[in-house]
PDB file of N, CA and C in Angstrom:
ATOM      1  N   UNK A   1       0.943  -1.343   0.035  1.00  0.00           N
ATOM      2  CA  UNK A   1      -0.010   0.119  -0.123  1.00  0.00           C
ATOM      3  C   UNK A   1       0.878   1.282   0.141  1.00  0.00           C
ATOM      4  N   UNK A   2       2.015   1.376   0.781  1.00  0.00           N
ATOM      5  CA  UNK A   2       2.797   2.359   0.897  1.00  0.00           C
ATOM      6  C   UNK A   2       4.070   2.360   0.005  1.00  0.00           C
ATOM      7  N   UNK A   3       4.119   1.350  -0.999  1.00  0.00           N
ATOM      8  CA  UNK A   3       5.300   1.026  -1.888  1.00  0.00           C
ATOM      9  C   UNK A   3       4.775   1.300  -3.234  1.00  0.00           C
ATOM     10  N   UNK A   4       3.677   1.971  -3.406  1.00  0.00           N
ATOM     11  CA  UNK A   4       3.310   2.295  -4.982  1.00  0.00           C
ATOM     12  C   UNK A   4       4.356   3.094  -5.645  1.00  0.00           C
ATOM     13  N   UNK A   5       4.337   3.238  -6.794  1.00  0.00           N
ATOM     14  CA  UNK A   5       5.327   3.896  -7.830  1.00  0.00           C
ATOM     15  C   UNK A   5       5.346   5.433  -7.306  1.00  0.00           C
ATOM     16  N   UNK A   6       4.054   6.074  -7.069  1.00  0.00           N
ATOM     17  CA  UNK A   6       4.070   7.469  -6.665  1.00  0.00           C
ATOM     18  C   UNK A   6       4.759   7.743  -5.456  1.00  0.00           C
ATOM     19  N   UNK A   7       4.327   6.880  -4.335  1.00  0.00           N
ATOM     20  CA  UNK A   7       5.055   7.022  -2.965  1.00  0.00           C
ATOM     21  C   UNK A   7       6.418   6.812  -3.010  1.00  0.00           C
ATOM     22  N   UNK A   8       6.901   5.729  -3.557  1.00  0.00           N
ATOM     23  CA  UNK A   8       8.334   5.322  -4.003  1.00  0.00           C
ATOM     24  C   UNK A   8       9.038   6.641  -4.384  1.00  0.00           C
ATOM     25  N   UNK A   9       8.605   7.209  -5.527  1.00  0.00           N
ATOM     26  CA  UNK A   9       9.109   8.445  -6.165  1.00  0.00           C
ATOM     27  C   UNK A   9       9.303   9.376  -5.378  1.00  0.00           C
ATOM     28  N   UNK A  10       8.186   9.767  -4.655  1.00  0.00           N
ATOM     29  CA  UNK A  10       8.104  10.886  -3.643  1.00  0.00           C
ATOM     30  C   UNK A  10       9.271  10.796  -2.498  1.00  0.00           C
ATOM     31  N   UNK A  11       9.335   9.540  -2.034  1.00  0.00           N
ATOM     32  CA  UNK A  11      10.369   9.235  -1.060  1.00  0.00           C
ATOM     33  C   UNK A  11      11.811   9.441  -1.577  1.00  0.00           C
ATOM     34  N   UNK A  12      12.125   8.943  -2.846  1.00  0.00           N
ATOM     35  CA  UNK A  12      13.276   9.121  -3.485  1.00  0.00           C
ATOM     36  C   UNK A  12      13.775  10.447  -3.536  1.00  0.00           C
ATOM     37  N   UNK A  13      12.543  11.358  -4.043  1.00  0.00           N
ATOM     38  CA  UNK A  13      12.852  12.793  -4.361  1.00  0.00           C
ATOM     39  C   UNK A  13      13.119  13.430  -2.955  1.00  0.00           C
ATOM     40  N   UNK A  14      12.293  13.091  -2.065  1.00  0.00           N
ATOM     41  CA  UNK A  14      12.582  13.912  -0.757  1.00  0.00           C
ATOM     42  C   UNK A  14      13.976  13.587  -0.146  1.00  0.00           C
ATOM     43  N   UNK A  15      14.325  12.181  -0.206  1.00  0.00           N
ATOM     44  CA  UNK A  15      15.682  11.681   0.287  1.00  0.00           C
ATOM     45  C   UNK A  15      16.933  12.523  -0.478  1.00  0.00           C
ATOM     46  N   UNK A  16      16.706  12.548  -1.763  1.00  0.00           N
ATOM     47  CA  UNK A  16      17.504  13.262  -2.650  1.00  0.00           C
ATOM     48  C   UNK A  16      17.852  14.764  -2.353  1.00  0.00           C
ATOM     49  N   UNK A  17      16.673  15.418  -2.225  1.00  0.00           N
ATOM     50  CA  UNK A  17      16.505  16.620  -1.863  1.00  0.00           C
ATOM     51  C   UNK A  17      17.182  16.985  -0.465  1.00  0.00           C
ATOM     52  N   UNK A  18      16.846  16.167   0.564  1.00  0.00           N
ATOM     53  CA  UNK A  18      17.454  16.346   1.904  1.00  0.00           C
ATOM     54  C   UNK A  18      18.922  16.158   1.951  1.00  0.00           C
ATOM     55  N   UNK A  19      19.426  15.243   1.113  1.00  0.00           N
ATOM     56  CA  UNK A  19      20.841  15.309   0.915  1.00  0.00           C
ATOM     57  C   UNK A  19      21.434  16.451   0.261  1.00  0.00           C
ATOM     58  N   UNK A  20      20.868  16.900  -0.792  1.00  0.00           N
ATOM     59  CA  UNK A  20      21.288  18.079  -1.313  1.00  0.00           C
ATOM     60  C   UNK A  20      21.153  19.481  -0.308  1.00  0.00           C
ATOM     61  N   UNK A  21      20.199  19.485   0.540  1.00  0.00           N
ATOM     62  CA  UNK A  21      20.210  20.392   1.574  1.00  0.00           C
ATOM     63  C   UNK A  21      21.474  20.468   2.549  1.00  0.00           C
ATOM     64  N   UNK A  22      21.721  18.946   2.930  1.00  0.00           N
ATOM     65  CA  UNK A  22      22.954  18.941   3.776  1.00  0.00           C
ATOM     66  C   UNK A  22      24.224  19.201   3.011  1.00  0.00           C
ATOM     67  N   UNK A  23      24.483  18.840   1.960  1.00  0.00           N
ATOM     68  CA  UNK A  23      25.726  19.104   1.158  1.00  0.00           C
ATOM     69  C   UNK A  23      25.922  20.615   0.980  1.00  0.00           C
ATOM     70  N   UNK A  24      24.700  21.343   0.474  1.00  0.00           N
ATOM     71  CA  UNK A  24      24.728  22.696   0.348  1.00  0.00           C
ATOM     72  C   UNK A  24      25.099  23.307   1.615  1.00  0.00           C
ATOM     73  N   UNK A  25      24.717  23.022   2.589  1.00  0.00           N
ATOM     74  CA  UNK A  25      24.985  23.765   3.844  1.00  0.00           C
ATOM     75  C   UNK A  25      26.390  23.445   4.294  1.00  0.00           C
ATOM     76  N   UNK A  26      26.953  22.167   4.052  1.00  0.00           N
ATOM     77  CA  UNK A  26      28.256  22.015   4.026  1.00  0.00           C
ATOM     78  C   UNK A  26      29.211  22.744   3.210  1.00  0.00           C
ATOM     79  N   UNK A  27      28.650  23.117   1.893  1.00  0.00           N
ATOM     80  CA  UNK A  27      29.527  23.930   1.092  1.00  0.00           C
ATOM     81  C   UNK A  27      29.516  25.287   1.567  1.00  0.00           C
ATOM     82  N   UNK A  28      28.308  25.803   2.100  1.00  0.00           N
ATOM     83  CA  UNK A  28      28.443  27.144   2.638  1.00  0.00           C
ATOM     84  C   UNK A  28      29.304  27.367   3.702  1.00  0.00           C
ATOM     85  N   UNK A  29      29.314  26.353   4.718  1.00  0.00           N
ATOM     86  CA  UNK A  29      29.827  26.427   5.952  1.00  0.00           C
ATOM     87  C   UNK A  29      31.524  26.213   5.614  1.00  0.00           C
ATOM     88  N   UNK A  30      31.862  25.823   4.434  1.00  0.00           N
ATOM     89  CA  UNK A  30      33.287  25.787   4.101  1.00  0.00           C
ATOM     90  C   UNK A  30      33.762  26.838   2.923  1.00  0.00           C
ATOM     91  N   UNK A  31      32.830  27.770   2.856  1.00  0.00           N
ATOM     92  CA  UNK A  31      33.266  28.723   1.608  1.00  0.00           C
ATOM     93  C   UNK A  31      34.662  29.284   1.765  1.00  0.00           C
ATOM     94  N   UNK A  32      35.177  29.269   2.916  1.00  0.00           N
ATOM     95  CA  UNK A  32      36.658  30.042   3.186  1.00  0.00           C
ATOM     96  C   UNK A  32      37.670  28.795   3.483  1.00  0.00           C
ATOM     97  N   UNK A  33      37.255  27.718   3.477  1.00  0.00           N
ATOM     98  CA  UNK A  33      38.245  26.407   3.724  1.00  0.00           C
ATOM     99  C   UNK A  33      39.279  26.220   2.758  1.00  0.00           C
ATOM    100  N   UNK A  34      40.582  26.681   2.963  1.00  0.00           N
ATOM    101  CA  UNK A  34      41.521  26.139   1.716  1.00  0.00           C
ATOM    102  C   UNK A  34      41.466  24.763   1.157  1.00  0.00           C
ATOM    103  N   UNK A  35      41.282  24.607   0.077  1.00  0.00           N
ATOM    104  CA  UNK A  35      41.364  23.274  -0.599  1.00  0.00           C
ATOM    105  C   UNK A  35      40.066  22.479  -0.570  1.00  0.00           C
ATOM    106  N   UNK A  36      39.016  23.204   0.059  1.00  0.00           N
ATOM    107  CA  UNK A  36      37.572  22.540  -0.041  1.00  0.00           C
ATOM    108  C   UNK A  36      36.919  22.683  -1.350  1.00  0.00           C
ATOM    109  N   UNK A  37      36.375  21.561  -1.909  1.00  0.00           N
ATOM    110  CA  UNK A  37      35.829  21.390  -3.058  1.00  0.00           C
ATOM    111  C   UNK A  37      34.383  21.176  -2.905  1.00  0.00           C
ATOM    112  N   UNK A  38      33.648  21.859  -3.345  1.00  0.00           N
ATOM    113  CA  UNK A  38      32.008  21.937  -3.238  1.00  0.00           C
ATOM    114  C   UNK A  38      31.517  20.526  -3.599  1.00  0.00           C
ATOM    115  N   UNK A  39      30.527  20.091  -2.794  1.00  0.00           N
ATOM    116  CA  UNK A  39      29.815  18.877  -3.211  1.00  0.00           C
ATOM    117  C   UNK A  39      28.549  19.019  -4.056  1.00  0.00           C
ATOM    118  N   UNK A  40      28.294  17.995  -4.883  1.00  0.00           N
ATOM    119  CA  UNK A  40      27.015  18.120  -5.714  1.00  0.00           C
ATOM    120  C   UNK A  40      26.276  16.943  -5.580  1.00  0.00           C
ATOM    121  N   UNK A  41      25.204  16.969  -5.355  1.00  0.00           N
ATOM    122  CA  UNK A  41      24.111  15.778  -5.352  1.00  0.00           C
ATOM    123  C   UNK A  41      23.350  15.455  -6.570  1.00  0.00           C
ATOM    124  N   UNK A  42      23.387  14.528  -7.105  1.00  0.00           N
ATOM    125  CA  UNK A  42      22.469  14.184  -8.112  1.00  0.00           C
ATOM    126  C   UNK A  42      21.614  13.104  -7.982  1.00  0.00           C
ATOM    127  N   UNK A  43      20.433  13.140  -8.448  1.00  0.00           N
ATOM    128  CA  UNK A  43      19.598  12.059  -8.318  1.00  0.00           C
ATOM    129  C   UNK A  43      18.495  12.106  -9.295  1.00  0.00           C
ATOM    130  N   UNK A  44      18.115  13.177  -9.874  1.00  0.00           N
ATOM    131  CA  UNK A  44      17.124  13.442 -10.805  1.00  0.00           C
ATOM    132  C   UNK A  44      17.209  12.375 -12.033  1.00  0.00           C
ATOM    133  N   UNK A  45      18.369  12.347 -12.663  1.00  0.00           N
ATOM    134  CA  UNK A  45      18.547  11.526 -13.788  1.00  0.00           C
ATOM    135  C   UNK A  45      18.331   9.938 -13.481  1.00  0.00           C
ATOM    136  N   UNK A  46      18.800   9.564 -12.233  1.00  0.00           N
ATOM    137  CA  UNK A  46      18.590   8.265 -11.843  1.00  0.00           C
ATOM    138  C   UNK A  46      17.154   7.937 -11.458  1.00  0.00           C
ATOM    139  N   UNK A  47      16.418   8.932 -10.970  1.00  0.00           N
ATOM    140  CA  UNK A  47      15.093   8.796 -10.572  1.00  0.00           C
ATOM    141  C   UNK A  47      14.246   8.639 -12.009  1.00  0.00           C
ATOM    142  N   UNK A  48      14.489   9.466 -12.902  1.00  0.00           N
ATOM    143  CA  UNK A  48      13.746   9.381 -14.179  1.00  0.00           C
ATOM    144  C   UNK A  48      13.996   7.992 -14.748  1.00  0.00           C
ATOM    145  N   UNK A  49      15.148   7.590 -14.750  1.00  0.00           N
ATOM    146  CA  UNK A  49      15.396   6.206 -15.448  1.00  0.00           C
ATOM    147  C   UNK A  49      14.654   5.042 -14.579  1.00  0.00           C
ATOM    148  N   UNK A  50      14.888   5.041 -13.318  1.00  0.00           N
ATOM    149  CA  UNK A  50      14.294   4.073 -12.684  1.00  0.00           C
ATOM    150  C   UNK A  50      12.775   4.214 -12.703  1.00  0.00           C
ATOM    151  N   UNK A  51      12.197   5.408 -12.957  1.00  0.00           N
ATOM    152  CA  UNK A  51      10.669   5.523 -13.076  1.00  0.00           C
ATOM    153  C   UNK A  51      10.410   4.784 -14.415  1.00  0.00           C
ATOM    154  N   UNK A  52      11.165   5.119 -15.328  1.00  0.00           N
ATOM    155  CA  UNK A  52      11.014   4.360 -16.710  1.00  0.00           C
ATOM    156  C   UNK A  52      11.179   3.092 -16.625  1.00  0.00           C
ATOM    157  N   UNK A  53      11.721   2.425 -15.672  1.00  0.00           N
ATOM    158  CA  UNK A  53      11.857   1.011 -15.508  1.00  0.00           C
ATOM    159  C   UNK A  53      10.896   0.352 -14.521  1.00  0.00           C
ATOM    160  N   UNK A  54       9.976   1.397 -13.956  1.00  0.00           N
ATOM    161  CA  UNK A  54       8.857   1.077 -12.961  1.00  0.00           C
ATOM    162  C   UNK A  54       9.298   0.790 -11.530  1.00  0.00           C
ATOM    163  N   UNK A  55      10.599   1.110 -11.175  1.00  0.00           N
ATOM    164  CA  UNK A  55      11.014   0.868  -9.944  1.00  0.00           C
ATOM    165  C   UNK A  55      11.877   2.033  -9.368  1.00  0.00           C
ATOM    166  N   UNK A  56      11.115   3.271  -9.043  1.00  0.00           N
ATOM    167  CA  UNK A  56      11.741   4.356  -8.624  1.00  0.00           C
ATOM    168  C   UNK A  56      12.399   4.147  -7.401  1.00  0.00           C
ATOM    169  N   UNK A  57      12.117   3.340  -6.527  1.00  0.00           N
ATOM    170  CA  UNK A  57      12.841   2.967  -5.395  1.00  0.00           C
ATOM    171  C   UNK A  57      14.418   2.555  -5.613  1.00  0.00           C
ATOM    172  N   UNK A  58      14.709   2.194  -6.689  1.00  0.00           N
ATOM    173  CA  UNK A  58      16.075   1.664  -7.173  1.00  0.00           C
ATOM    174  C   UNK A  58      16.913   2.945  -7.270  1.00  0.00           C
ATOM    175  N   UNK A  59      16.434   4.113  -7.350  1.00  0.00           N
ATOM    176  CA  UNK A  59      17.302   5.349  -7.567  1.00  0.00           C
ATOM    177  C   UNK A  59      18.082   5.841  -6.194  1.00  0.00           C
ATOM    178  N   UNK A  60      19.093   6.153  -6.338  1.00  0.00           N
ATOM    179  CA  UNK A  60      19.852   6.454  -5.127  1.00  0.00           C
ATOM    180  C   UNK A  60      20.529   7.957  -5.279  1.00  0.00           C
ATOM    181  N   UNK A  61      20.451   8.734  -4.535  1.00  0.00           N
ATOM    182  CA  UNK A  61      21.268  10.049  -4.549  1.00  0.00           C
ATOM    183  C   UNK A  61      22.822   9.666  -4.604  1.00  0.00           C
ATOM    184  N   UNK A  62      23.510  10.509  -5.232  1.00  0.00           N
ATOM    185  CA  UNK A  62      25.156  10.244  -5.435  1.00  0.00           C
ATOM    186  C   UNK A  62      25.786  11.702  -5.006  1.00  0.00           C
ATOM    187  N   UNK A  63      26.874  11.688  -4.504  1.00  0.00           N
ATOM    188  CA  UNK A  63      27.449  12.748  -4.070  1.00  0.00           C
ATOM    189  C   UNK A  63      28.815  12.879  -4.659  1.00  0.00           C
ATOM    190  N   UNK A  64      29.159  13.937  -5.414  1.00  0.00           N
ATOM    191  CA  UNK A  64      30.477  13.926  -5.970  1.00  0.00           C
ATOM    192  C   UNK A  64      31.055  15.416  -5.843  1.00  0.00           C
ATOM    193  N   UNK A  65      32.351  15.546  -5.872  1.00  0.00           N
ATOM    194  CA  UNK A  65      32.960  16.873  -5.713  1.00  0.00           C
ATOM    195  C   UNK A  65      33.066  17.394  -6.961  1.00  0.00           C
ATOM    196  N   UNK A  66      32.728  18.594  -6.873  1.00  0.00           N
ATOM    197  CA  UNK A  66      32.701  19.753  -8.002  1.00  0.00           C
ATOM    198  C   UNK A  66      34.077  19.934  -8.825  1.00  0.00           C
ATOM    199  N   UNK A  67      34.035  19.865 -10.063  1.00  0.00           N
ATOM    200  CA  UNK A  67      35.374  20.071 -10.806  1.00  0.00           C
ATOM    201  C   UNK A  67      35.550  21.438 -11.311  1.00  0.00           C
ATOM    202  N   UNK A  68      34.596  22.328 -10.698  1.00  0.00           N
ATOM    203  CA  UNK A  68      34.695  23.741 -11.179  1.00  0.00           C
ATOM    204  C   UNK A  68      36.045  24.415 -10.857  1.00  0.00           C
ATOM    205  N   UNK A  69      36.364  25.346 -11.432  1.00  0.00           N
ATOM    206  CA  UNK A  69      37.818  26.179 -11.256  1.00  0.00           C
ATOM    207  C   UNK A  69      37.667  26.563  -9.753  1.00  0.00           C
ATOM    208  N   UNK A  70      38.996  26.474  -9.249  1.00  0.00           N
ATOM    209  CA  UNK A  70      39.157  26.735  -7.938  1.00  0.00           C
ATOM    210  C   UNK A  70      39.680  28.249  -7.726  1.00  0.00           C
ATOM    211  N   UNK A  71      39.583  28.939  -6.633  1.00  0.00           N
ATOM    212  CA  UNK A  71      40.251  30.173  -6.314  1.00  0.00           C
ATOM    213  C   UNK A  71      41.707  29.792  -5.999  1.00  0.00           C
ATOM    214  N   UNK A  72      42.408  30.936  -5.614  1.00  0.00           N
ATOM    215  CA  UNK A  72      43.927  30.573  -5.240  1.00  0.00           C
ATOM    216  C   UNK A  72      44.264  29.629  -4.067  1.00  0.00           C
ATOM    217  N   UNK A  73      43.345  29.762  -3.297  1.00  0.00           N
ATOM    218  CA  UNK A  73      43.391  28.877  -1.963  1.00  0.00           C
ATOM    219  C   UNK A  73      42.823  27.524  -2.322  1.00  0.00           C
ATOM    220  N   UNK A  74      42.534  27.020  -3.567  1.00  0.00           N
ATOM    221  CA  UNK A  74      41.998  25.680  -3.826  1.00  0.00           C
ATOM    222  C   UNK A  74      40.596  25.315  -3.608  1.00  0.00           C
ATOM    223  N   UNK A  75      39.985  26.477  -3.149  1.00  0.00           N
ATOM    224  CA  UNK A  75      38.461  26.185  -2.779  1.00  0.00           C
ATOM    225  C   UNK A  75      37.645  26.562  -3.968  1.00  0.00           C
ATOM    226  N   UNK A  76      36.716  26.079  -4.435  1.00  0.00           N
ATOM    227  CA  UNK A  76      35.760  26.299  -5.368  1.00  0.00           C
ATOM    228  C   UNK A  76      34.233  26.563  -5.111  1.00  0.00           C
ATOM    229  N   UNK A  77      34.076  26.834  -3.884  1.00  0.00           N
ATOM    230  CA  UNK A  77      32.571  27.245  -3.372  1.00  0.00           C
ATOM    231  C   UNK A  77      32.199  28.555  -3.984  1.00  0.00           C
ATOM    232  N   UNK A  78      31.076  28.599  -4.683  1.00  0.00           N
ATOM    233  CA  UNK A  78      30.580  29.910  -5.144  1.00  0.00           C
ATOM    234  C   UNK A  78      29.367  30.132  -4.313  1.00  0.00           C
ATOM    235  N   UNK A  79      29.426  31.082  -3.361  1.00  0.00           N
ATOM    236  CA  UNK A  79      28.410  31.550  -2.577  1.00  0.00           C
ATOM    237  C   UNK A  79      27.100  31.861  -3.112  1.00  0.00           C
ATOM    238  N   UNK A  80      27.019  32.469  -4.194  1.00  0.00           N
ATOM    239  CA  UNK A  80      25.806  32.740  -5.019  1.00  0.00           C
ATOM    240  C   UNK A  80      25.354  31.513  -5.585  1.00  0.00           C
ATOM    241  N   UNK A  81      25.876  30.694  -6.127  1.00  0.00           N
ATOM    242  CA  UNK A  81      25.454  29.290  -6.595  1.00  0.00           C
ATOM    243  C   UNK A  81      24.710  28.747  -5.372  1.00  0.00           C
ATOM    244  N   UNK A  82      25.570  28.399  -4.420  1.00  0.00           N
ATOM    245  CA  UNK A  82      25.072  27.567  -3.169  1.00  0.00           C
ATOM    246  C   UNK A  82      23.834  28.342  -2.530  1.00  0.00           C
ATOM    247  N   UNK A  83      23.765  29.579  -2.447  1.00  0.00           N
ATOM    248  CA  UNK A  83      22.529  30.135  -2.009  1.00  0.00           C
ATOM    249  C   UNK A  83      21.296  30.009  -2.823  1.00  0.00           C
ATOM    250  N   UNK A  84      21.435  30.064  -4.296  1.00  0.00           N
ATOM    251  CA  UNK A  84      20.296  29.765  -5.177  1.00  0.00           C
ATOM    252  C   UNK A  84      19.965  28.371  -5.072  1.00  0.00           C
ATOM    253  N   UNK A  85      21.025  27.308  -4.873  1.00  0.00           N
ATOM    254  CA  UNK A  85      20.737  26.053  -4.885  1.00  0.00           C
ATOM    255  C   UNK A  85      19.961  25.753  -3.616  1.00  0.00           C
ATOM    256  N   UNK A  86      20.370  26.236  -2.547  1.00  0.00           N
ATOM    257  CA  UNK A  86      19.760  26.134  -1.309  1.00  0.00           C
ATOM    258  C   UNK A  86      18.147  26.616  -1.385  1.00  0.00           C
ATOM    259  N   UNK A  87      17.757  27.670  -1.988  1.00  0.00           N
ATOM    260  CA  UNK A  87      16.418  28.169  -2.106  1.00  0.00           C
ATOM    261  C   UNK A  87      15.736  27.321  -3.091  1.00  0.00           C
ATOM    262  N   UNK A  88      16.314  26.838  -4.195  1.00  0.00           N
ATOM    263  CA  UNK A  88      15.598  25.976  -4.992  1.00  0.00           C
ATOM    264  C   UNK A  88      15.390  24.602  -4.462  1.00  0.00           C
ATOM    265  N   UNK A  89      16.132  24.224  -3.752  1.00  0.00           N
ATOM    266  CA  UNK A  89      16.025  22.833  -3.074  1.00  0.00           C
ATOM    267  C   UNK A  89      14.981  23.037  -2.091  1.00  0.00           C
ATOM    268  N   UNK A  90      14.847  23.833  -1.328  1.00  0.00           N
ATOM    269  CA  UNK A  90      13.814  24.086  -0.304  1.00  0.00           C
ATOM    270  C   UNK A  90      12.607  24.169  -0.732  1.00  0.00           C
ATOM    271  N   UNK A  91      12.374  24.914  -1.973  1.00  0.00           N
ATOM    272  CA  UNK A  91      11.033  24.908  -2.437  1.00  0.00           C
ATOM    273  C   UNK A  91      10.701  23.764  -3.087  1.00  0.00           C
ATOM    274  N   UNK A  92      11.578  22.925  -3.921  1.00  0.00           N
ATOM    275  CA  UNK A  92      11.203  21.426  -4.378  1.00  0.00           C
ATOM    276  C   UNK A  92      10.804  20.693  -3.241  1.00  0.00           C
ATOM    277  N   UNK A  93      11.528  20.636  -2.186  1.00  0.00           N
ATOM    278  CA  UNK A  93      11.197  19.889  -1.011  1.00  0.00           C
ATOM    279  C   UNK A  93       9.882  20.302  -0.452  1.00  0.00           C
ATOM    280  N   UNK A  94       9.400  21.479  -0.313  1.00  0.00           N
ATOM    281  CA  UNK A  94       8.179  21.815   0.123  1.00  0.00           C
ATOM    282  C   UNK A  94       7.091  21.258  -0.736  1.00  0.00           C
ATOM    283  N   UNK A  95       7.288  21.368  -2.164  1.00  0.00           N
ATOM    284  CA  UNK A  95       6.354  20.975  -3.174  1.00  0.00           C
ATOM    285  C   UNK A  95       6.269  19.342  -3.041  1.00  0.00           C
ATOM    286  N   UNK A  96       7.257  18.462  -2.931  1.00  0.00           N
ATOM    287  CA  UNK A  96       7.262  17.239  -2.776  1.00  0.00           C
ATOM    288  C   UNK A  96       6.493  16.833  -1.360  1.00  0.00           C
ATOM    289  N   UNK A  97       6.806  17.512  -0.284  1.00  0.00           N
ATOM    290  CA  UNK A  97       6.000  17.319   0.881  1.00  0.00           C
ATOM    291  C   UNK A  97       4.646  17.435   0.757  1.00  0.00           C
ATOM    292  N   UNK A  98       4.116  18.585  -0.011  1.00  0.00           N
ATOM    293  CA  UNK A  98       2.709  18.755  -0.156  1.00  0.00           C
ATOM    294  C   UNK A  98       2.133  17.536  -1.022  1.00  0.00           C
ATOM    295  N   UNK A  99       2.930  17.186  -1.966  1.00  0.00           N
ATOM    296  CA  UNK A  99       2.502  15.925  -2.796  1.00  0.00           C
ATOM    297  C   UNK A  99       2.242  14.674  -1.885  1.00  0.00           C
ATOM    298  N   UNK A 100       3.315  14.478  -1.154  1.00  0.00           N
ATOM    299  CA  UNK A 100       3.195  13.264  -0.171  1.00  0.00           C
ATOM    300  C   UNK A 100       2.068  13.402   0.714  1.00  0.00           C
ATOM    301  N   UNK A 101       1.738  14.753   1.308  1.00  0.00           N
ATOM    302  CA  UNK A 101       0.534  14.854   2.272  1.00  0.00           C
ATOM    303  C   UNK A 101      -0.678  14.773   1.510  1.00  0.00           C
ATOM    304  N   UNK A 102      -0.768  15.092   0.223  1.00  0.00           N
ATOM    305  CA  UNK A 102      -1.989  14.761  -0.510  1.00  0.00           C
ATOM    306  C   UNK A 102      -2.342  13.279  -0.891  1.00  0.00           C
ATOM    307  N   UNK A 103      -1.180  12.696  -1.084  1.00  0.00           N
ATOM    308  CA  UNK A 103      -1.319  11.234  -1.221  1.00  0.00           C
ATOM    309  C   UNK A 103      -1.800  10.504  -0.068  1.00  0.00           C
ATOM    310  N   UNK A 104      -1.306  10.785   1.127  1.00  0.00           N
ATOM    311  CA  UNK A 104      -1.837  10.241   2.307  1.00  0.00           C
ATOM    312  C   UNK A 104      -3.132  10.873   2.718  1.00  0.00           C
ATOM    313  N   UNK A 105      -3.458  11.889   2.341  1.00  0.00           N
ATOM    314  CA  UNK A 105      -4.886  12.529   2.362  1.00  0.00           C
ATOM    315  C   UNK A 105      -5.780  11.633   1.780  1.00  0.00           C
ATOM    316  N   UNK A 106      -5.571  11.142   0.406  1.00  0.00           N
ATOM    317  CA  UNK A 106      -6.340  10.273  -0.170  1.00  0.00           C
ATOM    318  C   UNK A 106      -6.484   8.963   0.470  1.00  0.00           C
ATOM    319  N   UNK A 107      -5.397   8.347   0.839  1.00  0.00           N
ATOM    320  CA  UNK A 107      -5.452   7.077   1.579  1.00  0.00           C
ATOM    321  C   UNK A 107      -6.535   7.283   2.691  1.00  0.00           C
ATOM    322  N   UNK A 108      -6.142   8.418   3.553  1.00  0.00           N
ATOM    323  CA  UNK A 108      -7.082   8.636   4.986  1.00  0.00           C
ATOM    324  C   UNK A 108      -8.486   8.527   4.461  1.00  0.00           C
ATOM    325  N   UNK A 109      -8.786   9.258   3.393  1.00  0.00           N
ATOM    326  CA  UNK A 109     -10.379   9.214   3.002  1.00  0.00           C
ATOM    327  C   UNK A 109     -10.788   7.972   2.508  1.00  0.00           C
ATOM    328  N   UNK A 110     -10.085   7.192   1.968  1.00  0.00           N
ATOM    329  CA  UNK A 110     -10.458   5.945   1.667  1.00  0.00           C
ATOM    330  C   UNK A 110     -10.625   4.873   2.822  1.00  0.00           C
ATOM    331  N   UNK A 111      -9.730   5.192   3.663  1.00  0.00           N
ATOM    332  CA  UNK A 111      -9.792   4.188   5.116  1.00  0.00           C
ATOM    333  C   UNK A 111     -11.036   4.744   5.664  1.00  0.00           C
ATOM    334  N   UNK A 112     -11.380   6.054   5.691  1.00  0.00           N
ATOM    335  CA  UNK A 112     -12.588   6.525   6.422  1.00  0.00           C
ATOM    336  C   UNK A 112     -13.781   6.211   5.701  1.00  0.00           C
ATOM    337  N   UNK A 113     -13.706   6.049   4.545  1.00  0.00           N
ATOM    338  CA  UNK A 113     -14.944   5.563   3.673  1.00  0.00           C
ATOM    339  C   UNK A 113     -15.377   6.884   2.942  1.00  0.00           C
ATOM    340  N   UNK A 114     -14.700   7.891   2.816  1.00  0.00           N
ATOM    341  CA  UNK A 114     -15.067   9.049   2.281  1.00  0.00           C
ATOM    342  C   UNK A 114     -14.787   8.931   0.659  1.00  0.00           C
ATOM    343  N   UNK A 115     -15.333   9.773  -0.012  1.00  0.00           N
ATOM    344  CA  UNK A 115     -15.301   9.940  -1.469  1.00  0.00           C
ATOM    345  C   UNK A 115     -13.720   9.968  -2.060  1.00  0.00           C
TER     346      UNK A 115
END
């Protein structure tokens, strides 16, 4: 009941976005750390592929270090980019939470015998 395609896709999306929020916060915290390379979380392509295969639960977020050019101290964190990523990720996370809430609202209505 709770492992249908929609619920699995929403769960993977929320997990990936939560991971992105943590990595972005780490990037921002290390904006002045010499030699620190920004992390990047990818999961959208894997989720899309696994949805096509009918098993969205198979998608997992991956974290890789950015290969963008570094400043003279070896750090490549771009605060403007990280701030925009943080805002975008937060908005996407809220949207998926609303979708999950709607999904469980439908289940709640069915259980109660509503329309």
